Amino acid sequence: MKVWMVLLAAAAALTVRATEKGTFGYDAEFVAKHAKTIVLKSEDARVLLVPDYQGRVMTSTAGGDAGPSYGFLKYQVIEAGLLTPEQRKGKLEDHIYVFGGEERFWMGPEGGQFAIFFAKGAEFKFDDWHTPAVIDSEPFDLVSSSDTEAKFAKIFALKNYSGTEFYGKVERTVKLMGVSESAAAMGISLGVGAKSVGYETENKLTNEGRDPWTPEKGLLSIWLLGMYNPAPHTTIVIPFKAGDDEALGPKVNDAYFGKVPAEYLVVKDNVLLFKGDGTRRGKIGISPKRSLGLAGSYDADTKTLTIVTYNVQDAPNGFVNSMWEMQKEPYAGDVLNSYNDGSPGEGKPPLGPFYEIETSSPAAALKPGETMTHISRTIHIQGSEANLDEIAQRKFGVSLNEIAGTFAK
């Protein structure tokens, strides 16, 4: 066969692989047909952003266009686009647009007397739950972009369950980190042949109104949620501070949507393992006294280790409480959450399915002109089991065998 024919055949094979479902190239091409996109890139690392979806990170990869796509995308919702209020009635989009995305900007609290997801007088049930438009269907403004960084901004107005009005501004910067930079930031060493992609998001919330935001009337928080593809052998890993419950509080809050059964959640002295298979709806939370500012997951089938960190900072006003109930302690909320999707009940389909890792800022008691900043870093690593095991033990204090074997039945 002539050289040019070999080259053409190789190029064709690469094109097929890069546009195959499950690859970054496929997802980037699909989303670009329905919304303006930005791709941050450096060597084989890629991060896909959409300004119209609140500047969210849709997905990323460590392997170029032909590499695996790490973020969950709900293709049919992206394809359908935004619906009018009349078109949304009786549909899931009346509650939330599940576009997907492995890191999106939200704000809390979700439930309680200061909730921003429930109107005044509403019941704390799924039928009355609605995601505010500013973090669901309204676009963010693209301020600037380069090959490795994009900045977004949004002016917003919100009203909480108690009737308090908030006027504010969101500024969001997404930065692709180089391999050595992301490894150093995580305090890890990547083995020979390992592939990784890491990115950092800096999220700022500013009070643009005339009145201070006070605990008595309700406070907001920055809330980042990452949606990932579920799999039968995916396990979420969250290390936490060991110690007496009387001093530090419960090790985990698993009462958000009913107690999580033992076959989905195992809690040890200083680490918990939570199933991320997208088959049963459940949510867990870690309190600020327990959190180490760290969470992650491991997909044993693709041998992908994910690590998420956030900036641990003082919280003089606590953390907003997102429990779906009238609350005795509205600022005794969790700082770190994980969600495994499933049916919300009564024969309703799951939102995805997907699993999530979520981080929150402290409650933002801001005077006019004041700003709070919440920073998150995410890294995905694919490599040898020996290297990933070393990283897992260093970061989470638990071996890959223990992670993968906990729910392996």
Protein backbone atom coordinates (compact mmCIF):
# COMPACT_ATOMS: atom_id res chain seq x y z
CA MET A 1 0.00 0.00 0.00
CA LYS A 2 1.31 3.46 -0.86
CA VAL A 3 2.40 5.78 1.95
CA TRP A 4 -0.32 8.36 1.26
CA MET A 5 -3.00 5.63 1.43
CA VAL A 6 -1.66 4.47 4.80
CA LEU A 7 -1.73 8.03 6.09
CA LEU A 8 -5.29 8.53 4.87
CA ALA A 9 -6.44 5.28 6.48
CA ALA A 10 -4.79 6.26 9.77
CA ALA A 11 -6.41 9.70 9.67
CA ALA A 12 -9.81 8.17 8.95
CA ALA A 13 -9.44 5.75 11.84
CA LEU A 14 -8.49 8.60 14.17
CA THR A 15 -11.51 10.64 13.00
CA VAL A 16 -13.85 7.75 13.77
CA ARG A 17 -12.39 7.34 17.24
CA ALA A 18 -12.56 11.08 17.96
CA THR A 19 -16.24 11.30 16.99
CA GLU A 20 -17.35 8.10 18.70
CA LYS A 21 -19.89 8.52 21.50
CA GLY A 22 -18.13 8.61 24.84
CA THR A 23 -15.18 10.64 23.53
CA PHE A 24 -14.49 14.31 24.21
CA GLY A 25 -14.59 15.00 20.47
CA TYR A 26 -18.11 13.61 20.17
CA ASP A 27 -19.39 15.66 23.12
CA ALA A 28 -17.67 18.86 21.97
CA GLU A 29 -19.11 18.50 18.49
CA PHE A 30 -22.59 17.67 19.79
CA VAL A 31 -22.81 20.59 22.21
CA ALA A 32 -21.41 23.04 19.62
CA LYS A 33 -24.40 22.26 17.37
CA HIS A 34 -26.77 23.62 20.01
CA ALA A 35 -24.84 26.27 21.96
CA LYS A 36 -21.77 28.48 21.75
CA THR A 37 -18.81 26.61 23.24
CA ILE A 38 -15.30 27.38 24.39
CA VAL A 39 -12.58 24.71 24.49
CA LEU A 40 -9.60 25.23 26.77
CA LYS A 41 -6.67 23.09 25.68
CA SER A 42 -3.03 22.35 26.36
CA GLU A 43 -1.39 19.33 24.74
CA ASP A 44 -3.93 16.47 25.20
CA ALA A 45 -5.90 18.16 28.01
CA ARG A 46 -9.28 19.62 27.04
CA VAL A 47 -12.05 21.42 28.97
CA LEU A 48 -15.40 22.24 27.32
CA LEU A 49 -17.30 25.34 28.53
CA VAL A 50 -20.70 26.83 27.64
CA PRO A 51 -21.42 30.51 28.49
CA ASP A 52 -25.19 30.03 27.99
CA TYR A 53 -25.16 27.30 30.65
CA GLN A 54 -23.78 29.65 33.33
CA GLY A 55 -20.18 29.19 32.24
CA ARG A 56 -20.27 25.56 33.31
CA VAL A 57 -17.59 22.99 32.63
CA MET A 58 -19.51 20.53 30.47
CA THR A 59 -16.80 17.90 30.29
CA SER A 60 -13.06 17.37 30.10
CA THR A 61 -10.51 14.82 28.97
CA ALA A 62 -6.86 13.94 29.36
CA GLY A 63 -6.65 12.26 25.96
CA GLY A 64 -7.38 14.86 23.29
CA ASP A 65 -10.46 14.68 21.08
CA ALA A 66 -10.32 10.88 21.01
CA GLY A 67 -9.97 10.66 24.80
CA PRO A 68 -12.78 9.67 27.19
CA SER A 69 -15.30 12.36 28.12
CA TYR A 70 -15.47 12.60 31.93
CA GLY A 71 -18.56 14.77 32.41
CA PHE A 72 -22.20 13.68 32.26
CA LEU A 73 -24.25 15.23 29.42
CA LYS A 74 -28.00 14.90 28.99
CA TYR A 75 -28.08 14.91 25.21
CA GLN A 76 -31.85 15.11 24.76
CA VAL A 77 -32.13 18.22 26.97
CA ILE A 78 -29.25 19.95 25.17
CA GLU A 79 -30.81 19.05 21.82
CA ALA A 80 -34.26 20.30 22.84
CA GLY A 81 -32.85 23.64 23.98
CA LEU A 82 -34.59 26.12 26.25
CA LEU A 83 -38.38 25.94 26.42
CA THR A 84 -40.89 28.69 27.16
CA PRO A 85 -42.70 28.62 30.53
CA GLU A 86 -45.79 27.19 28.81
CA GLN A 87 -43.77 24.48 27.08
CA ARG A 88 -42.08 23.58 30.38
CA LYS A 89 -45.28 22.99 32.34
CA GLY A 90 -45.59 19.43 33.55
CA LYS A 91 -42.11 18.57 32.31
CA LEU A 92 -38.83 18.08 34.15
CA GLU A 93 -37.56 21.37 32.72
CA ASP A 94 -40.16 23.12 34.86
CA HIS A 95 -37.94 22.12 37.81
CA ILE A 96 -34.45 22.08 36.29
CA TYR A 97 -32.69 21.96 32.94
CA VAL A 98 -30.46 18.92 33.28
CA PHE A 99 -27.94 19.87 30.63
CA GLY A 100 -25.31 18.03 32.64
CA GLY A 101 -21.80 19.31 33.16
CA GLU A 102 -19.00 18.26 35.46
CA GLU A 103 -18.93 21.58 37.29
CA ARG A 104 -21.74 24.11 37.35
CA PHE A 105 -22.30 27.26 39.38
CA TRP A 106 -25.25 27.20 41.78
CA MET A 107 -26.23 29.04 44.91
CA GLY A 108 -27.78 27.83 48.17
CA PRO A 109 -29.73 27.27 50.28
CA GLU A 110 -31.98 24.82 48.51
CA GLY A 111 -34.56 24.22 51.27
CA GLY A 112 -35.72 25.76 54.54
CA GLN A 113 -37.15 29.15 55.47
CA PHE A 114 -34.39 30.90 53.49
CA ALA A 115 -34.61 28.60 50.45
CA ILE A 116 -34.18 29.98 46.94
CA PHE A 117 -35.57 26.83 45.25
CA PHE A 118 -39.02 27.06 46.86
CA ALA A 119 -41.50 29.94 46.65
CA LYS A 120 -43.06 31.35 49.81
CA GLY A 121 -45.72 29.00 51.16
CA ALA A 122 -44.63 26.07 48.96
CA GLU A 123 -44.30 22.58 50.37
CA PHE A 124 -40.84 21.07 50.54
CA LYS A 125 -41.51 18.37 47.96
CA PHE A 126 -40.27 17.72 44.44
CA ASP A 127 -43.41 19.10 42.73
CA ASP A 128 -42.77 22.53 44.30
CA TRP A 129 -38.99 22.52 43.75
CA HIS A 130 -37.78 24.91 41.02
CA THR A 131 -34.21 25.92 40.21
CA PRO A 132 -33.80 29.72 39.98
CA ALA A 133 -33.41 30.86 36.36
CA VAL A 134 -30.11 32.63 37.02
CA ILE A 135 -28.44 29.28 37.77
CA ASP A 136 -30.51 27.19 35.37
CA SER A 137 -31.65 28.83 32.14
CA GLU A 138 -30.08 32.32 31.97
CA PRO A 139 -26.73 32.77 30.18
CA PHE A 140 -23.61 34.23 31.79
CA ASP A 141 -21.74 36.98 29.94
CA LEU A 142 -18.39 35.96 28.46
CA VAL A 143 -15.89 38.58 29.65
CA SER A 144 -12.73 37.13 28.07
CA SER A 145 -11.18 33.87 26.89
CA SER A 146 -7.87 32.39 25.81
CA ASP A 147 -6.57 28.89 25.09
CA THR A 148 -6.31 28.14 28.82
CA GLU A 149 -8.71 30.49 30.63
CA ALA A 150 -12.23 31.94 30.36
CA LYS A 151 -13.99 34.55 32.50
CA PHE A 152 -17.75 34.98 32.93
CA ALA A 153 -20.01 37.40 34.80
CA LYS A 154 -23.71 37.73 35.69
CA ILE A 155 -25.83 40.33 37.47
CA PHE A 156 -28.82 38.73 39.23
CA ALA A 157 -31.86 39.32 41.43
CA LEU A 158 -33.26 36.60 43.71
CA LYS A 159 -35.97 36.32 46.36
CA ASN A 160 -35.91 33.67 49.08
CA TYR A 161 -38.73 31.73 50.78
CA SER A 162 -39.01 34.41 53.49
CA GLY A 163 -39.33 37.23 50.95
CA THR A 164 -35.81 38.68 51.22
CA GLU A 165 -34.52 40.13 47.95
CA PHE A 166 -30.90 39.80 46.85
CA TYR A 167 -29.18 41.87 44.17
CA GLY A 168 -25.76 40.55 43.32
CA LYS A 169 -23.05 39.74 40.83
CA VAL A 170 -21.33 36.47 40.00
CA GLU A 171 -17.83 36.36 38.51
CA ARG A 172 -16.49 33.00 37.42
CA THR A 173 -13.05 32.16 36.03
CA VAL A 174 -12.17 28.71 34.67
CA LYS A 175 -8.48 27.96 34.23
CA LEU A 176 -6.91 24.88 32.67
CA MET A 177 -3.93 23.79 34.74
CA GLY A 178 -0.88 22.13 33.22
CA VAL A 179 0.00 18.56 34.20
CA SER A 180 2.81 19.55 36.56
CA GLU A 181 0.80 22.46 37.97
CA SER A 182 -2.28 20.36 38.74
CA ALA A 183 -0.18 17.54 40.25
CA ALA A 184 1.65 20.04 42.46
CA ALA A 185 -1.61 21.69 43.50
CA MET A 186 -2.98 18.30 44.56
CA GLY A 187 0.27 17.26 46.24
CA ILE A 188 0.62 14.11 44.14
CA SER A 189 3.10 12.54 41.75
CA LEU A 190 1.93 11.20 38.40
CA GLY A 191 3.58 7.99 37.28
CA VAL A 192 5.18 7.34 33.89
CA GLY A 193 2.49 7.00 31.23
CA ALA A 194 -0.29 8.52 33.35
CA LYS A 195 -2.64 10.97 31.67
CA SER A 196 -4.39 13.78 33.50
CA VAL A 197 -6.46 16.92 33.07
CA GLY A 198 -6.87 19.50 35.83
CA TYR A 199 -8.74 22.77 36.07
CA GLU A 200 -9.43 25.43 38.68
CA THR A 201 -12.53 27.59 38.99
CA GLU A 202 -12.56 30.84 40.96
CA ASN A 203 -16.12 31.88 41.82
CA LYS A 204 -16.96 35.28 43.30
CA LEU A 205 -20.26 36.45 44.77
CA THR A 206 -20.73 40.21 45.36
CA ASN A 207 -23.55 42.12 47.06
CA GLU A 208 -24.57 44.72 44.47
CA GLY A 209 -27.57 45.99 46.44
CA ARG A 210 -28.01 48.82 48.93
CA ASP A 211 -28.71 46.64 51.95
CA PRO A 212 -26.41 44.20 53.78
CA TRP A 213 -27.16 40.49 53.60
CA THR A 214 -27.91 39.38 57.16
CA PRO A 215 -28.46 35.99 58.85
CA GLU A 216 -31.83 37.12 60.18
CA LYS A 217 -33.24 37.55 56.66
CA GLY A 218 -31.33 34.73 55.01
CA LEU A 219 -27.95 34.37 53.32
CA LEU A 220 -26.72 32.94 50.04
CA SER A 221 -23.76 30.65 49.39
CA ILE A 222 -21.69 29.64 46.38
CA TRP A 223 -22.47 26.03 45.51
CA LEU A 224 -20.53 24.05 42.89
CA LEU A 225 -21.90 20.75 41.63
CA GLY A 226 -20.11 18.25 39.40
CA MET A 227 -22.12 15.73 37.39
CA TYR A 228 -20.27 12.59 36.30
CA ASN A 229 -21.19 9.47 34.38
CA PRO A 230 -22.34 6.70 36.74
CA ALA A 231 -21.08 3.15 36.38
CA PRO A 232 -21.63 -0.13 38.23
CA HIS A 233 -18.12 -0.05 39.70
CA THR A 234 -17.79 3.65 40.47
CA THR A 235 -17.29 4.62 44.10
CA ILE A 236 -17.22 8.10 45.66
CA VAL A 237 -14.54 8.50 48.34
CA ILE A 238 -14.63 11.20 51.03
CA PRO A 239 -12.03 11.25 53.80
CA PHE A 240 -12.95 13.19 56.94
CA LYS A 241 -11.62 14.13 60.34
CA ALA A 242 -11.81 11.25 62.78
CA GLY A 243 -13.03 11.96 66.29
CA ASP A 244 -15.83 11.84 68.79
CA ASP A 245 -19.34 12.67 67.56
CA GLU A 246 -19.92 14.86 70.59
CA ALA A 247 -17.03 17.14 69.61
CA LEU A 248 -17.26 17.03 65.82
CA GLY A 249 -20.86 16.00 65.17
CA PRO A 250 -22.05 13.03 63.08
CA LYS A 251 -19.61 11.58 60.55
CA VAL A 252 -22.15 11.94 57.77
CA ASN A 253 -25.59 13.38 57.11
CA ASP A 254 -27.47 10.82 55.02
CA ALA A 255 -31.02 12.03 55.68
CA TYR A 256 -31.54 14.34 52.69
CA PHE A 257 -33.78 11.98 50.72
CA GLY A 258 -34.20 9.23 53.29
CA LYS A 259 -31.50 7.19 54.97
CA VAL A 260 -29.00 5.65 52.55
CA PRO A 261 -28.86 1.84 52.93
CA ALA A 262 -25.66 -0.03 53.80
CA GLU A 263 -25.33 -1.47 50.29
CA TYR A 264 -24.80 2.10 49.01
CA LEU A 265 -22.88 3.72 51.87
CA VAL A 266 -20.08 2.45 54.11
CA VAL A 267 -18.78 4.79 56.82
CA LYS A 268 -15.46 4.05 58.55
CA ASP A 269 -13.49 5.94 61.20
CA ASN A 270 -12.04 8.53 58.82
CA VAL A 271 -13.38 7.81 55.33
CA LEU A 272 -16.70 6.99 53.69
CA LEU A 273 -17.42 5.11 50.48
CA PHE A 274 -20.62 5.92 48.56
CA LYS A 275 -21.85 4.09 45.49
CA GLY A 276 -21.99 6.16 42.29
CA ASP A 277 -23.96 3.87 40.00
CA GLY A 278 -27.00 6.11 39.31
CA THR A 279 -29.52 3.44 40.37
CA ARG A 280 -30.85 4.81 43.68
CA ARG A 281 -31.51 8.41 44.69
CA GLY A 282 -29.53 9.36 47.77
CA LYS A 283 -27.50 12.26 49.10
CA ILE A 284 -24.90 12.60 51.82
CA GLY A 285 -23.21 15.56 53.46
CA ILE A 286 -20.07 16.29 55.47
CA SER A 287 -20.07 19.07 58.06
CA PRO A 288 -17.37 21.78 58.14
CA LYS A 289 -15.96 20.35 61.39
CA ARG A 290 -15.39 17.00 59.67
CA SER A 291 -14.42 18.06 56.15
CA LEU A 292 -10.82 17.99 54.91
CA GLY A 293 -11.69 20.03 51.82
CA LEU A 294 -11.29 16.91 49.71
CA ALA A 295 -13.41 14.34 47.87
CA GLY A 296 -13.09 12.10 44.86
CA SER A 297 -14.19 8.99 43.01
CA TYR A 298 -12.77 5.93 41.32
CA ASP A 299 -14.12 4.12 38.27
CA ALA A 300 -12.65 0.63 38.46
CA ASP A 301 -13.66 -0.23 34.89
CA THR A 302 -11.86 2.67 33.18
CA LYS A 303 -9.26 3.03 35.95
CA THR A 304 -10.01 6.73 36.34
CA LEU A 305 -9.31 8.50 39.63
CA THR A 306 -10.97 11.88 40.20
CA ILE A 307 -9.94 14.32 42.94
CA VAL A 308 -11.85 17.48 43.92
CA THR A 309 -10.62 20.08 46.41
CA TYR A 310 -11.90 23.47 47.57
CA ASN A 311 -10.50 26.40 49.58
CA VAL A 312 -11.26 25.84 53.26
CA GLN A 313 -11.98 29.24 54.82
CA ASP A 314 -13.39 30.75 58.00
CA ALA A 315 -17.17 30.66 58.27
CA PRO A 316 -18.27 33.14 60.97
CA ASN A 317 -21.89 32.76 59.86
CA GLY A 318 -21.79 29.01 59.27
CA PHE A 319 -22.95 27.21 56.14
CA VAL A 320 -26.45 27.43 54.70
CA ASN A 321 -28.69 24.45 55.38
CA SER A 322 -30.29 22.91 52.28
CA MET A 323 -32.48 20.32 53.99
CA TRP A 324 -36.03 20.30 52.57
CA GLU A 325 -37.75 21.34 55.82
CA MET A 326 -38.32 24.29 58.12
CA GLN A 327 -35.03 24.43 59.99
CA LYS A 328 -34.09 24.98 63.62
CA GLU A 329 -30.50 25.65 62.53
CA PRO A 330 -30.47 27.32 59.09
CA TYR A 331 -26.68 27.87 59.25
CA ALA A 332 -25.67 24.39 60.38
CA GLY A 333 -25.44 23.06 56.82
CA ASP A 334 -22.88 20.84 55.12
CA VAL A 335 -19.84 22.05 53.22
CA LEU A 336 -19.33 18.94 51.08
CA ASN A 337 -21.98 16.74 49.49
CA SER A 338 -22.33 13.80 47.15
CA TYR A 339 -25.45 12.69 45.30
CA ASN A 340 -26.27 9.42 43.56
CA ASP A 341 -29.14 9.83 41.15
CA GLY A 342 -32.21 7.64 40.83
CA SER A 343 -35.97 7.96 40.60
CA PRO A 344 -37.42 10.72 42.85
CA GLY A 345 -40.40 8.41 43.43
CA GLU A 346 -43.90 7.67 42.15
CA GLY A 347 -42.58 6.11 38.96
CA LYS A 348 -40.75 9.29 37.92
CA PRO A 349 -37.58 8.78 35.85
CA PRO A 350 -34.19 9.78 37.26
CA LEU A 351 -32.89 13.26 36.48
CA GLY A 352 -29.91 11.73 34.67
CA PRO A 353 -28.80 9.30 35.84
CA PHE A 354 -25.48 10.64 37.13
CA TYR A 355 -23.56 11.06 40.36
CA GLU A 356 -22.34 14.31 41.86
CA ILE A 357 -19.57 15.75 44.01
CA GLU A 358 -20.56 19.13 45.46
CA THR A 359 -18.76 21.84 47.45
CA SER A 360 -20.07 24.99 49.12
CA SER A 361 -18.74 28.31 50.38
CA PRO A 362 -19.62 29.67 53.82
CA ALA A 363 -22.84 31.66 54.17
CA ALA A 364 -22.22 35.05 52.55
CA ALA A 365 -23.08 37.81 55.05
CA LEU A 366 -21.95 40.58 52.72
CA LYS A 367 -22.23 44.33 53.06
CA PRO A 368 -22.90 46.33 49.87
CA GLY A 369 -19.86 45.98 47.62
CA GLU A 370 -18.34 43.07 49.56
CA THR A 371 -17.29 39.82 47.84
CA MET A 372 -16.90 36.17 48.83
CA THR A 373 -14.67 33.80 46.82
CA HIS A 374 -14.93 30.02 46.51
CA ILE A 375 -12.19 28.13 44.63
CA SER A 376 -12.43 24.55 43.42
CA ARG A 377 -9.90 22.31 41.69
CA THR A 378 -10.65 19.11 39.80
CA ILE A 379 -8.21 16.58 38.38
CA HIS A 380 -8.90 13.34 36.50
CA ILE A 381 -6.10 10.78 36.27
CA GLN A 382 -5.85 7.63 34.19
CA GLY A 383 -2.82 5.44 34.72
CA SER A 384 -1.49 2.21 36.11
CA GLU A 385 -3.25 0.69 39.11
CA ALA A 386 0.01 0.88 41.07
CA ASN A 387 0.30 4.64 40.51
CA LEU A 388 -3.39 5.29 41.17
CA ASP A 389 -3.21 3.19 44.33
CA GLU A 390 -0.29 5.26 45.60
CA ILE A 391 -2.25 8.47 44.93
CA ALA A 392 -5.45 7.12 46.53
CA GLN A 393 -3.61 6.09 49.68
CA ARG A 394 -1.81 9.42 49.88
CA LYS A 395 -4.91 11.56 49.34
CA PHE A 396 -7.74 9.46 50.76
CA GLY A 397 -5.97 7.10 53.15
CA VAL A 398 -7.53 4.06 51.49
CA SER A 399 -6.31 1.62 48.84
CA LEU A 400 -7.79 1.08 45.39
CA ASN A 401 -8.62 -2.50 46.34
CA GLU A 402 -10.65 -1.28 49.29
CA ILE A 403 -12.40 1.37 47.20
CA ALA A 404 -13.20 -0.98 44.32
CA GLY A 405 -14.00 -3.96 46.52
CA THR A 406 -16.49 -2.34 48.89
CA PHE A 407 -19.47 -2.61 46.53
CA ALA A 408 -18.05 -5.25 44.17
CA LYS A 409 -20.75 -7.85 44.86
